[in-house]
Amino acid sequence: MLATGIARGNFGLALGAPGSVYIAEWEKRRVVLAHRGRLRTAARSAAGWAPSGVAWRAGVLYVLEATIHQPGKPDRLRVRRIGQGGDRVLATVAAGGG
């Protein structure tokens, strides 16, 4: 077992560097890195967003985020790239043509 004490509402896992796993914690709006039995926050989602998927490749973390549903507002998805060059949104899409 790599870690305990993470939120129950988790949406994605990704293998990172040897011995590490990234966990998308929807309920806590963050991505956690589990390594050697320890947890650390690798990324936080902005207000109104939460991680629904995660991928890691060659030192770069990719986070799929979804808006937290609000009646009357379109739901959106976006992909963030987090690496040495900083944190930037690569793409955003809206549901329902909004």
PDB file of N, CA and C in Angstrom:
ATOM      1  N   MET A   1       0.850  -1.176   0.000  1.00  0.00           N
ATOM      2  CA  MET A   1       0.000   0.000   0.000  1.00  0.00           C
ATOM      3  C   MET A   1       0.895   1.239   0.000  1.00  0.00           C
ATOM      4  N   LEU A   2       0.576   2.185  -0.888  1.00  0.00           N
ATOM      5  CA  LEU A   2       1.384   3.391  -0.998  1.00  0.00           C
ATOM      6  C   LEU A   2       0.966   4.493  -0.034  1.00  0.00           C
ATOM      7  N   ALA A   3      -0.342   4.572   0.282  1.00  0.00           N
ATOM      8  CA  ALA A   3      -0.799   5.671   1.141  1.00  0.00           C
ATOM      9  C   ALA A   3      -2.161   5.352   1.731  1.00  0.00           C
ATOM     10  N   THR A   4      -2.471   6.002   2.842  1.00  0.00           N
ATOM     11  CA  THR A   4      -3.791   5.930   3.442  1.00  0.00           C
ATOM     12  C   THR A   4      -4.213   7.348   3.784  1.00  0.00           C
ATOM     13  N   GLY A   5      -5.508   7.539   4.007  1.00  0.00           N
ATOM     14  CA  GLY A   5      -6.001   8.843   4.444  1.00  0.00           C
ATOM     15  C   GLY A   5      -6.384   9.792   3.326  1.00  0.00           C
ATOM     16  N   ILE A   6      -6.509   9.290   2.109  1.00  0.00           N
ATOM     17  CA  ILE A   6      -6.929  10.173   1.026  1.00  0.00           C
ATOM     18  C   ILE A   6      -8.451  10.254   1.006  1.00  0.00           C
ATOM     19  N   ALA A   7      -8.996  11.250   0.313  1.00  0.00           N
ATOM     20  CA  ALA A   7     -10.445  11.429   0.248  1.00  0.00           C
ATOM     21  C   ALA A   7     -11.092  10.235  -0.445  1.00  0.00           C
ATOM     22  N   ARG A   8     -12.348   9.994  -0.145  1.00  0.00           N
ATOM     23  CA  ARG A   8     -13.070   8.873  -0.776  1.00  0.00           C
ATOM     24  C   ARG A   8     -13.432   9.182  -2.219  1.00  0.00           C
ATOM     25  N   GLY A   9     -13.660  10.437  -2.544  1.00  0.00           N
ATOM     26  CA  GLY A   9     -14.084  10.824  -3.894  1.00  0.00           C
ATOM     27  C   GLY A   9     -12.893  11.065  -4.798  1.00  0.00           C
ATOM     28  N   ASN A  10     -12.278   9.994  -5.269  1.00  0.00           N
ATOM     29  CA  ASN A  10     -11.116  10.103  -6.144  1.00  0.00           C
ATOM     30  C   ASN A  10     -11.496   9.673  -7.548  1.00  0.00           C
ATOM     31  N   PHE A  11     -10.971  10.390  -8.534  1.00  0.00           N
ATOM     32  CA  PHE A  11     -11.379  10.135  -9.903  1.00  0.00           C
ATOM     33  C   PHE A  11     -10.290   9.580 -10.788  1.00  0.00           C
ATOM     34  N   GLY A  12      -9.031   9.691 -10.434  1.00  0.00           N
ATOM     35  CA  GLY A  12      -8.002   9.212 -11.334  1.00  0.00           C
ATOM     36  C   GLY A  12      -6.707   8.908 -10.622  1.00  0.00           C
ATOM     37  N   LEU A  13      -5.954   7.991 -11.222  1.00  0.00           N
ATOM     38  CA  LEU A  13      -4.631   7.630 -10.731  1.00  0.00           C
ATOM     39  C   LEU A  13      -3.678   7.649 -11.910  1.00  0.00           C
ATOM     40  N   ALA A  14      -2.433   8.014 -11.656  1.00  0.00           N
ATOM     41  CA  ALA A  14      -1.400   7.954 -12.692  1.00  0.00           C
ATOM     42  C   ALA A  14      -0.088   7.580 -12.037  1.00  0.00           C
ATOM     43  N   LEU A  15       0.643   6.710 -12.685  1.00  0.00           N
ATOM     44  CA  LEU A  15       1.977   6.373 -12.200  1.00  0.00           C
ATOM     45  C   LEU A  15       2.918   7.515 -12.526  1.00  0.00           C
ATOM     46  N   GLY A  16       3.741   7.880 -11.551  1.00  0.00           N
ATOM     47  CA  GLY A  16       4.734   8.919 -11.746  1.00  0.00           C
ATOM     48  C   GLY A  16       6.113   8.302 -11.809  1.00  0.00           C
ATOM     49  N   ALA A  17       7.098   9.002 -11.273  1.00  0.00           N
ATOM     50  CA  ALA A  17       8.447   8.461 -11.184  1.00  0.00           C
ATOM     51  C   ALA A  17       8.387   7.152 -10.407  1.00  0.00           C
ATOM     52  N   PRO A  18       9.395   6.292 -10.535  1.00  0.00           N
ATOM     53  CA  PRO A  18       9.348   5.003  -9.841  1.00  0.00           C
ATOM     54  C   PRO A  18       8.942   5.124  -8.366  1.00  0.00           C
ATOM     55  N   GLY A  19       7.918   4.338  -7.997  1.00  0.00           N
ATOM     56  CA  GLY A  19       7.464   4.310  -6.611  1.00  0.00           C
ATOM     57  C   GLY A  19       6.489   5.394  -6.240  1.00  0.00           C
ATOM     58  N   SER A  20       5.983   6.145  -7.214  1.00  0.00           N
ATOM     59  CA  SER A  20       5.048   7.226  -6.879  1.00  0.00           C
ATOM     60  C   SER A  20       3.776   7.130  -7.720  1.00  0.00           C
ATOM     61  N   VAL A  21       2.684   7.626  -7.133  1.00  0.00           N
ATOM     62  CA  VAL A  21       1.376   7.630  -7.785  1.00  0.00           C
ATOM     63  C   VAL A  21       0.733   8.992  -7.554  1.00  0.00           C
ATOM     64  N   TYR A  22       0.149   9.556  -8.621  1.00  0.00           N
ATOM     65  CA  TYR A  22      -0.631  10.790  -8.511  1.00  0.00           C
ATOM     66  C   TYR A  22      -2.096  10.418  -8.393  1.00  0.00           C
ATOM     67  N   ILE A  23      -2.816  11.083  -7.497  1.00  0.00           N
ATOM     68  CA  ILE A  23      -4.215  10.786  -7.215  1.00  0.00           C
ATOM     69  C   ILE A  23      -5.030  12.066  -7.378  1.00  0.00           C
ATOM     70  N   ALA A  24      -6.045  12.022  -8.240  1.00  0.00           N
ATOM     71  CA  ALA A  24      -6.943  13.171  -8.412  1.00  0.00           C
ATOM     72  C   ALA A  24      -8.034  13.077  -7.345  1.00  0.00           C
ATOM     73  N   GLU A  25      -7.977  13.955  -6.357  1.00  0.00           N
ATOM     74  CA  GLU A  25      -8.962  13.978  -5.255  1.00  0.00           C
ATOM     75  C   GLU A  25     -10.037  15.025  -5.559  1.00  0.00           C
ATOM     76  N   TRP A  26     -11.135  14.568  -6.136  1.00  0.00           N
ATOM     77  CA  TRP A  26     -12.230  15.474  -6.506  1.00  0.00           C
ATOM     78  C   TRP A  26     -12.741  16.237  -5.277  1.00  0.00           C
ATOM     79  N   GLU A  27     -13.025  15.526  -4.195  1.00  0.00           N
ATOM     80  CA  GLU A  27     -13.641  16.138  -3.011  1.00  0.00           C
ATOM     81  C   GLU A  27     -12.788  17.249  -2.398  1.00  0.00           C
ATOM     82  N   LYS A  28     -11.475  17.114  -2.465  1.00  0.00           N
ATOM     83  CA  LYS A  28     -10.588  18.114  -1.865  1.00  0.00           C
ATOM     84  C   LYS A  28     -10.007  19.072  -2.902  1.00  0.00           C
ATOM     85  N   ARG A  29     -10.445  18.915  -4.186  1.00  0.00           N
ATOM     86  CA  ARG A  29     -10.026  19.809  -5.282  1.00  0.00           C
ATOM     87  C   ARG A  29      -8.502  19.896  -5.409  1.00  0.00           C
ATOM     88  N   ARG A  30      -7.845  18.724  -5.369  1.00  0.00           N
ATOM     89  CA  ARG A  30      -6.386  18.724  -5.478  1.00  0.00           C
ATOM     90  C   ARG A  30      -5.891  17.420  -6.089  1.00  0.00           C
ATOM     91  N   VAL A  31      -4.628  17.449  -6.523  1.00  0.00           N
ATOM     92  CA  VAL A  31      -3.925  16.244  -6.957  1.00  0.00           C
ATOM     93  C   VAL A  31      -2.854  15.981  -5.912  1.00  0.00           C
ATOM     94  N   VAL A  32      -2.820  14.749  -5.434  1.00  0.00           N
ATOM     95  CA  VAL A  32      -1.893  14.359  -4.384  1.00  0.00           C
ATOM     96  C   VAL A  32      -0.840  13.421  -4.969  1.00  0.00           C
ATOM     97  N   LEU A  33       0.390  13.589  -4.525  1.00  0.00           N
ATOM     98  CA  LEU A  33       1.468  12.677  -4.882  1.00  0.00           C
ATOM     99  C   LEU A  33       1.718  11.757  -3.691  1.00  0.00           C
ATOM    100  N   ALA A  34       1.579  10.450  -3.919  1.00  0.00           N
ATOM    101  CA  ALA A  34       1.886   9.458  -2.892  1.00  0.00           C
ATOM    102  C   ALA A  34       3.240   8.848  -3.241  1.00  0.00           C
ATOM    103  N   HIS A  35       4.173   8.957  -2.295  1.00  0.00           N
ATOM    104  CA  HIS A  35       5.516   8.425  -2.517  1.00  0.00           C
ATOM    105  C   HIS A  35       6.096   7.970  -1.183  1.00  0.00           C
ATOM    106  N   ARG A  36       6.496   6.718  -1.133  1.00  0.00           N
ATOM    107  CA  ARG A  36       7.084   6.140   0.076  1.00  0.00           C
ATOM    108  C   ARG A  36       6.211   6.325   1.317  1.00  0.00           C
ATOM    109  N   GLY A  37       4.912   6.119   1.150  1.00  0.00           N
ATOM    110  CA  GLY A  37       3.993   6.195   2.275  1.00  0.00           C
ATOM    111  C   GLY A  37       3.618   7.598   2.709  1.00  0.00           C
ATOM    112  N   ARG A  38       4.105   8.601   1.996  1.00  0.00           N
ATOM    113  CA  ARG A  38       3.790   9.992   2.354  1.00  0.00           C
ATOM    114  C   ARG A  38       2.957  10.638   1.254  1.00  0.00           C
ATOM    115  N   LEU A  39       2.119  11.570   1.672  1.00  0.00           N
ATOM    116  CA  LEU A  39       1.290  12.324   0.737  1.00  0.00           C
ATOM    117  C   LEU A  39       1.728  13.775   0.719  1.00  0.00           C
ATOM    118  N   ARG A  40       1.719  14.359  -0.481  1.00  0.00           N
ATOM    119  CA  ARG A  40       1.944  15.797  -0.590  1.00  0.00           C
ATOM    120  C   ARG A  40       1.087  16.318  -1.724  1.00  0.00           C
ATOM    121  N   THR A  41       0.593  17.525  -1.576  1.00  0.00           N
ATOM    122  CA  THR A  41      -0.232  18.132  -2.615  1.00  0.00           C
ATOM    123  C   THR A  41       0.657  18.544  -3.775  1.00  0.00           C
ATOM    124  N   ALA A  42       0.348  18.014  -4.955  1.00  0.00           N
ATOM    125  CA  ALA A  42       1.114  18.331  -6.169  1.00  0.00           C
ATOM    126  C   ALA A  42       0.469  19.474  -6.939  1.00  0.00           C
ATOM    127  N   ALA A  43      -0.864  19.629  -6.839  1.00  0.00           N
ATOM    128  CA  ALA A  43      -1.580  20.697  -7.547  1.00  0.00           C
ATOM    129  C   ALA A  43      -2.914  20.929  -6.867  1.00  0.00           C
ATOM    130  N   ARG A  44      -3.376  22.156  -6.926  1.00  0.00           N
ATOM    131  CA  ARG A  44      -4.710  22.513  -6.414  1.00  0.00           C
ATOM    132  C   ARG A  44      -5.520  23.097  -7.554  1.00  0.00           C
ATOM    133  N   SER A  45      -6.807  22.801  -7.538  1.00  0.00           N
ATOM    134  CA  SER A  45      -7.705  23.378  -8.538  1.00  0.00           C
ATOM    135  C   SER A  45      -8.230  24.713  -8.037  1.00  0.00           C
ATOM    136  N   ALA A  46      -8.439  25.626  -8.960  1.00  0.00           N
ATOM    137  CA  ALA A  46      -8.997  26.938  -8.625  1.00  0.00           C
ATOM    138  C   ALA A  46     -10.441  26.772  -8.159  1.00  0.00           C
ATOM    139  N   ALA A  47     -10.952  27.773  -7.475  1.00  0.00           N
ATOM    140  CA  ALA A  47     -12.341  27.752  -7.008  1.00  0.00           C
ATOM    141  C   ALA A  47     -13.268  27.454  -8.188  1.00  0.00           C
ATOM    142  N   GLY A  48     -14.231  26.559  -7.964  1.00  0.00           N
ATOM    143  CA  GLY A  48     -15.189  26.204  -9.003  1.00  0.00           C
ATOM    144  C   GLY A  48     -14.753  25.050  -9.888  1.00  0.00           C
ATOM    145  N   TRP A  49     -13.520  24.593  -9.728  1.00  0.00           N
ATOM    146  CA  TRP A  49     -12.968  23.489 -10.515  1.00  0.00           C
ATOM    147  C   TRP A  49     -12.531  22.360  -9.589  1.00  0.00           C
ATOM    148  N   ALA A  50     -12.494  21.123 -10.143  1.00  0.00           N
ATOM    149  CA  ALA A  50     -11.989  19.982  -9.389  1.00  0.00           C
ATOM    150  C   ALA A  50     -11.355  18.990 -10.364  1.00  0.00           C
ATOM    151  N   PRO A  51     -10.305  18.278  -9.936  1.00  0.00           N
ATOM    152  CA  PRO A  51      -9.648  17.336 -10.836  1.00  0.00           C
ATOM    153  C   PRO A  51     -10.478  16.075 -11.052  1.00  0.00           C
ATOM    154  N   SER A  52     -10.600  15.682 -12.317  1.00  0.00           N
ATOM    155  CA  SER A  52     -11.343  14.459 -12.633  1.00  0.00           C
ATOM    156  C   SER A  52     -10.454  13.431 -13.318  1.00  0.00           C
ATOM    157  N   GLY A  53      -9.214  13.772 -13.570  1.00  0.00           N
ATOM    158  CA  GLY A  53      -8.267  12.845 -14.173  1.00  0.00           C
ATOM    159  C   GLY A  53      -6.869  13.406 -14.053  1.00  0.00           C
ATOM    160  N   VAL A  54      -5.881  12.528 -14.204  1.00  0.00           N
ATOM    161  CA  VAL A  54      -4.502  12.958 -14.057  1.00  0.00           C
ATOM    162  C   VAL A  54      -3.609  12.046 -14.896  1.00  0.00           C
ATOM    163  N   ALA A  55      -2.541  12.631 -15.441  1.00  0.00           N
ATOM    164  CA  ALA A  55      -1.534  11.861 -16.184  1.00  0.00           C
ATOM    165  C   ALA A  55      -0.178  12.484 -15.894  1.00  0.00           C
ATOM    166  N   TRP A  56       0.862  11.661 -16.005  1.00  0.00           N
ATOM    167  CA  TRP A  56       2.225  12.140 -15.765  1.00  0.00           C
ATOM    168  C   TRP A  56       3.106  11.566 -16.855  1.00  0.00           C
ATOM    169  N   ARG A  57       3.943  12.416 -17.420  1.00  0.00           N
ATOM    170  CA  ARG A  57       4.884  11.952 -18.441  1.00  0.00           C
ATOM    171  C   ARG A  57       6.122  12.826 -18.422  1.00  0.00           C
ATOM    172  N   ALA A  58       7.260  12.189 -18.236  1.00  0.00           N
ATOM    173  CA  ALA A  58       8.569  12.853 -18.325  1.00  0.00           C
ATOM    174  C   ALA A  58       8.639  14.119 -17.465  1.00  0.00           C
ATOM    175  N   GLY A  59       8.142  14.037 -16.228  1.00  0.00           N
ATOM    176  CA  GLY A  59       8.243  15.164 -15.314  1.00  0.00           C
ATOM    177  C   GLY A  59       7.167  16.217 -15.460  1.00  0.00           C
ATOM    178  N   VAL A  60       6.200  15.990 -16.334  1.00  0.00           N
ATOM    179  CA  VAL A  60       5.104  16.940 -16.537  1.00  0.00           C
ATOM    180  C   VAL A  60       3.807  16.301 -16.069  1.00  0.00           C
ATOM    181  N   LEU A  61       3.039  17.042 -15.276  1.00  0.00           N
ATOM    182  CA  LEU A  61       1.756  16.586 -14.764  1.00  0.00           C
ATOM    183  C   LEU A  61       0.650  17.220 -15.595  1.00  0.00           C
ATOM    184  N   TYR A  62      -0.270  16.398 -16.078  1.00  0.00           N
ATOM    185  CA  TYR A  62      -1.440  16.875 -16.819  1.00  0.00           C
ATOM    186  C   TYR A  62      -2.668  16.584 -15.969  1.00  0.00           C
ATOM    187  N   VAL A  63      -3.509  17.593 -15.776  1.00  0.00           N
ATOM    188  CA  VAL A  63      -4.688  17.445 -14.924  1.00  0.00           C
ATOM    189  C   VAL A  63      -5.929  17.786 -15.734  1.00  0.00           C
ATOM    190  N   LEU A  64      -6.877  16.841 -15.810  1.00  0.00           N
ATOM    191  CA  LEU A  64      -8.174  17.099 -16.402  1.00  0.00           C
ATOM    192  C   LEU A  64      -9.070  17.606 -15.277  1.00  0.00           C
ATOM    193  N   GLU A  65      -9.638  18.788 -15.459  1.00  0.00           N
ATOM    194  CA  GLU A  65     -10.511  19.380 -14.437  1.00  0.00           C
ATOM    195  C   GLU A  65     -11.899  19.620 -15.015  1.00  0.00           C
ATOM    196  N   ALA A  66     -12.879  19.538 -14.153  1.00  0.00           N
ATOM    197  CA  ALA A  66     -14.261  19.830 -14.510  1.00  0.00           C
ATOM    198  C   ALA A  66     -14.800  20.893 -13.561  1.00  0.00           C
ATOM    199  N   THR A  67     -15.734  21.692 -14.080  1.00  0.00           N
ATOM    200  CA  THR A  67     -16.355  22.660 -13.180  1.00  0.00           C
ATOM    201  C   THR A  67     -17.276  21.925 -12.226  1.00  0.00           C
ATOM    202  N   ILE A  68     -17.419  22.465 -11.053  1.00  0.00           N
ATOM    203  CA  ILE A  68     -18.370  21.944 -10.078  1.00  0.00           C
ATOM    204  C   ILE A  68     -19.725  22.485 -10.509  1.00  0.00           C
ATOM    205  N   HIS A  69     -20.647  21.587 -10.818  1.00  0.00           N
ATOM    206  CA  HIS A  69     -21.915  21.970 -11.452  1.00  0.00           C
ATOM    207  C   HIS A  69     -22.676  23.039 -10.665  1.00  0.00           C
ATOM    208  N   GLN A  70     -23.129  24.049 -11.412  1.00  0.00           N
ATOM    209  CA  GLN A  70     -23.984  25.097 -10.863  1.00  0.00           C
ATOM    210  C   GLN A  70     -25.177  25.243 -11.799  1.00  0.00           C
ATOM    211  N   PRO A  71     -26.399  25.088 -11.275  1.00  0.00           N
ATOM    212  CA  PRO A  71     -27.580  25.210 -12.133  1.00  0.00           C
ATOM    213  C   PRO A  71     -27.573  26.527 -12.907  1.00  0.00           C
ATOM    214  N   GLY A  72     -27.924  26.451 -14.187  1.00  0.00           N
ATOM    215  CA  GLY A  72     -27.994  27.639 -15.031  1.00  0.00           C
ATOM    216  C   GLY A  72     -26.676  28.032 -15.678  1.00  0.00           C
ATOM    217  N   LYS A  73     -25.584  27.350 -15.320  1.00  0.00           N
ATOM    218  CA  LYS A  73     -24.282  27.653 -15.918  1.00  0.00           C
ATOM    219  C   LYS A  73     -23.800  26.428 -16.690  1.00  0.00           C
ATOM    220  N   PRO A  74     -23.136  26.644 -17.827  1.00  0.00           N
ATOM    221  CA  PRO A  74     -22.653  25.481 -18.587  1.00  0.00           C
ATOM    222  C   PRO A  74     -21.504  24.776 -17.858  1.00  0.00           C
ATOM    223  N   ASP A  75     -21.514  23.468 -17.951  1.00  0.00           N
ATOM    224  CA  ASP A  75     -20.403  22.694 -17.401  1.00  0.00           C
ATOM    225  C   ASP A  75     -19.221  22.805 -18.359  1.00  0.00           C
ATOM    226  N   ARG A  76     -18.013  22.821 -17.813  1.00  0.00           N
ATOM    227  CA  ARG A  76     -16.807  22.937 -18.639  1.00  0.00           C
ATOM    228  C   ARG A  76     -15.769  21.920 -18.197  1.00  0.00           C
ATOM    229  N   LEU A  77     -14.889  21.588 -19.115  1.00  0.00           N
ATOM    230  CA  LEU A  77     -13.722  20.755 -18.854  1.00  0.00           C
ATOM    231  C   LEU A  77     -12.497  21.518 -19.327  1.00  0.00           C
ATOM    232  N   ARG A  78     -11.360  21.262 -18.681  1.00  0.00           N
ATOM    233  CA  ARG A  78     -10.119  21.864 -19.155  1.00  0.00           C
ATOM    234  C   ARG A  78      -8.952  20.942 -18.821  1.00  0.00           C
ATOM    235  N   VAL A  79      -7.865  21.135 -19.546  1.00  0.00           N
ATOM    236  CA  VAL A  79      -6.639  20.391 -19.312  1.00  0.00           C
ATOM    237  C   VAL A  79      -5.557  21.378 -18.905  1.00  0.00           C
ATOM    238  N   ARG A  80      -4.936  21.101 -17.768  1.00  0.00           N
ATOM    239  CA  ARG A  80      -3.819  21.917 -17.284  1.00  0.00           C
ATOM    240  C   ARG A  80      -2.520  21.142 -17.436  1.00  0.00           C
ATOM    241  N   ARG A  81      -1.453  21.853 -17.779  1.00  0.00           N
ATOM    242  CA  ARG A  81      -0.110  21.286 -17.862  1.00  0.00           C
ATOM    243  C   ARG A  81       0.711  21.936 -16.762  1.00  0.00           C
ATOM    244  N   ILE A  82       1.298  21.117 -15.884  1.00  0.00           N
ATOM    245  CA  ILE A  82       2.072  21.629 -14.763  1.00  0.00           C
ATOM    246  C   ILE A  82       3.471  21.012 -14.848  1.00  0.00           C
ATOM    247  N   GLY A  83       4.470  21.860 -15.058  1.00  0.00           N
ATOM    248  CA  GLY A  83       5.832  21.363 -15.196  1.00  0.00           C
ATOM    249  C   GLY A  83       6.826  22.472 -14.924  1.00  0.00           C
ATOM    250  N   GLN A  84       8.060  22.275 -15.381  1.00  0.00           N
ATOM    251  CA  GLN A  84       9.112  23.267 -15.142  1.00  0.00           C
ATOM    252  C   GLN A  84       8.765  24.630 -15.728  1.00  0.00           C
ATOM    253  N   GLY A  85       8.030  24.643 -16.831  1.00  0.00           N
ATOM    254  CA  GLY A  85       7.655  25.903 -17.454  1.00  0.00           C
ATOM    255  C   GLY A  85       6.500  26.607 -16.774  1.00  0.00           C
ATOM    256  N   GLY A  86       6.014  26.048 -15.670  1.00  0.00           N
ATOM    257  CA  GLY A  86       4.907  26.656 -14.942  1.00  0.00           C
ATOM    258  C   GLY A  86       3.620  25.885 -15.115  1.00  0.00           C
ATOM    259  N   ASP A  87       2.527  26.552 -14.847  1.00  0.00           N
ATOM    260  CA  ASP A  87       1.190  25.974 -14.859  1.00  0.00           C
ATOM    261  C   ASP A  87       0.371  26.734 -15.892  1.00  0.00           C
ATOM    262  N   ARG A  88      -0.139  26.015 -16.907  1.00  0.00           N
ATOM    263  CA  ARG A  88      -0.964  26.707 -17.889  1.00  0.00           C
ATOM    264  C   ARG A  88      -2.096  25.813 -18.369  1.00  0.00           C
ATOM    265  N   VAL A  89      -3.185  26.445 -18.765  1.00  0.00           N
ATOM    266  CA  VAL A  89      -4.336  25.729 -19.304  1.00  0.00           C
ATOM    267  C   VAL A  89      -4.082  25.510 -20.791  1.00  0.00           C
ATOM    268  N   LEU A  90      -4.155  24.249 -21.220  1.00  0.00           N
ATOM    269  CA  LEU A  90      -3.930  23.915 -22.624  1.00  0.00           C
ATOM    270  C   LEU A  90      -5.188  24.007 -23.451  1.00  0.00           C
ATOM    271  N   ALA A  91      -6.337  23.639 -22.868  1.00  0.00           N
ATOM    272  CA  ALA A  91      -7.604  23.635 -23.612  1.00  0.00           C
ATOM    273  C   ALA A  91      -8.754  23.699 -22.635  1.00  0.00           C
ATOM    274  N   THR A  92      -9.838  24.342 -23.062  1.00  0.00           N
ATOM    275  CA  THR A  92     -11.080  24.397 -22.286  1.00  0.00           C
ATOM    276  C   THR A  92     -12.248  24.149 -23.244  1.00  0.00           C
ATOM    277  N   VAL A  93     -13.185  23.322 -22.847  1.00  0.00           N
ATOM    278  CA  VAL A  93     -14.388  23.073 -23.634  1.00  0.00           C
ATOM    279  C   VAL A  93     -15.613  23.246 -22.756  1.00  0.00           C
ATOM    280  N   ALA A  94     -16.704  23.700 -23.367  1.00  0.00           N
ATOM    281  CA  ALA A  94     -17.959  23.896 -22.637  1.00  0.00           C
ATOM    282  C   ALA A  94     -19.017  22.955 -23.203  1.00  0.00           C
ATOM    283  N   ALA A  95     -19.864  22.432 -22.333  1.00  0.00           N
ATOM    284  CA  ALA A  95     -20.958  21.574 -22.745  1.00  0.00           C
ATOM    285  C   ALA A  95     -22.157  22.421 -23.157  1.00  0.00           C
ATOM    286  N   GLY A  96     -22.984  21.905 -24.021  1.00  0.00           N
ATOM    287  CA  GLY A  96     -24.224  22.567 -24.387  1.00  0.00           C
ATOM    288  C   GLY A  96     -24.050  23.842 -25.188  1.00  0.00           C
ATOM    289  N   GLY A  97     -22.924  24.009 -25.847  1.00  0.00           N
ATOM    290  CA  GLY A  97     -22.733  25.158 -26.715  1.00  0.00           C
ATOM    291  C   GLY A  97     -22.535  26.466 -25.967  1.00  0.00           C
ATOM    292  N   GLY A  98     -22.305  26.425 -24.626  1.00  0.00           N
ATOM    293  CA  GLY A  98     -22.164  27.647 -23.848  1.00  0.00           C
ATOM    294  C   GLY A  98     -20.824  27.988 -23.612  1.00  0.00           C
TER     295      GLY A  98
END
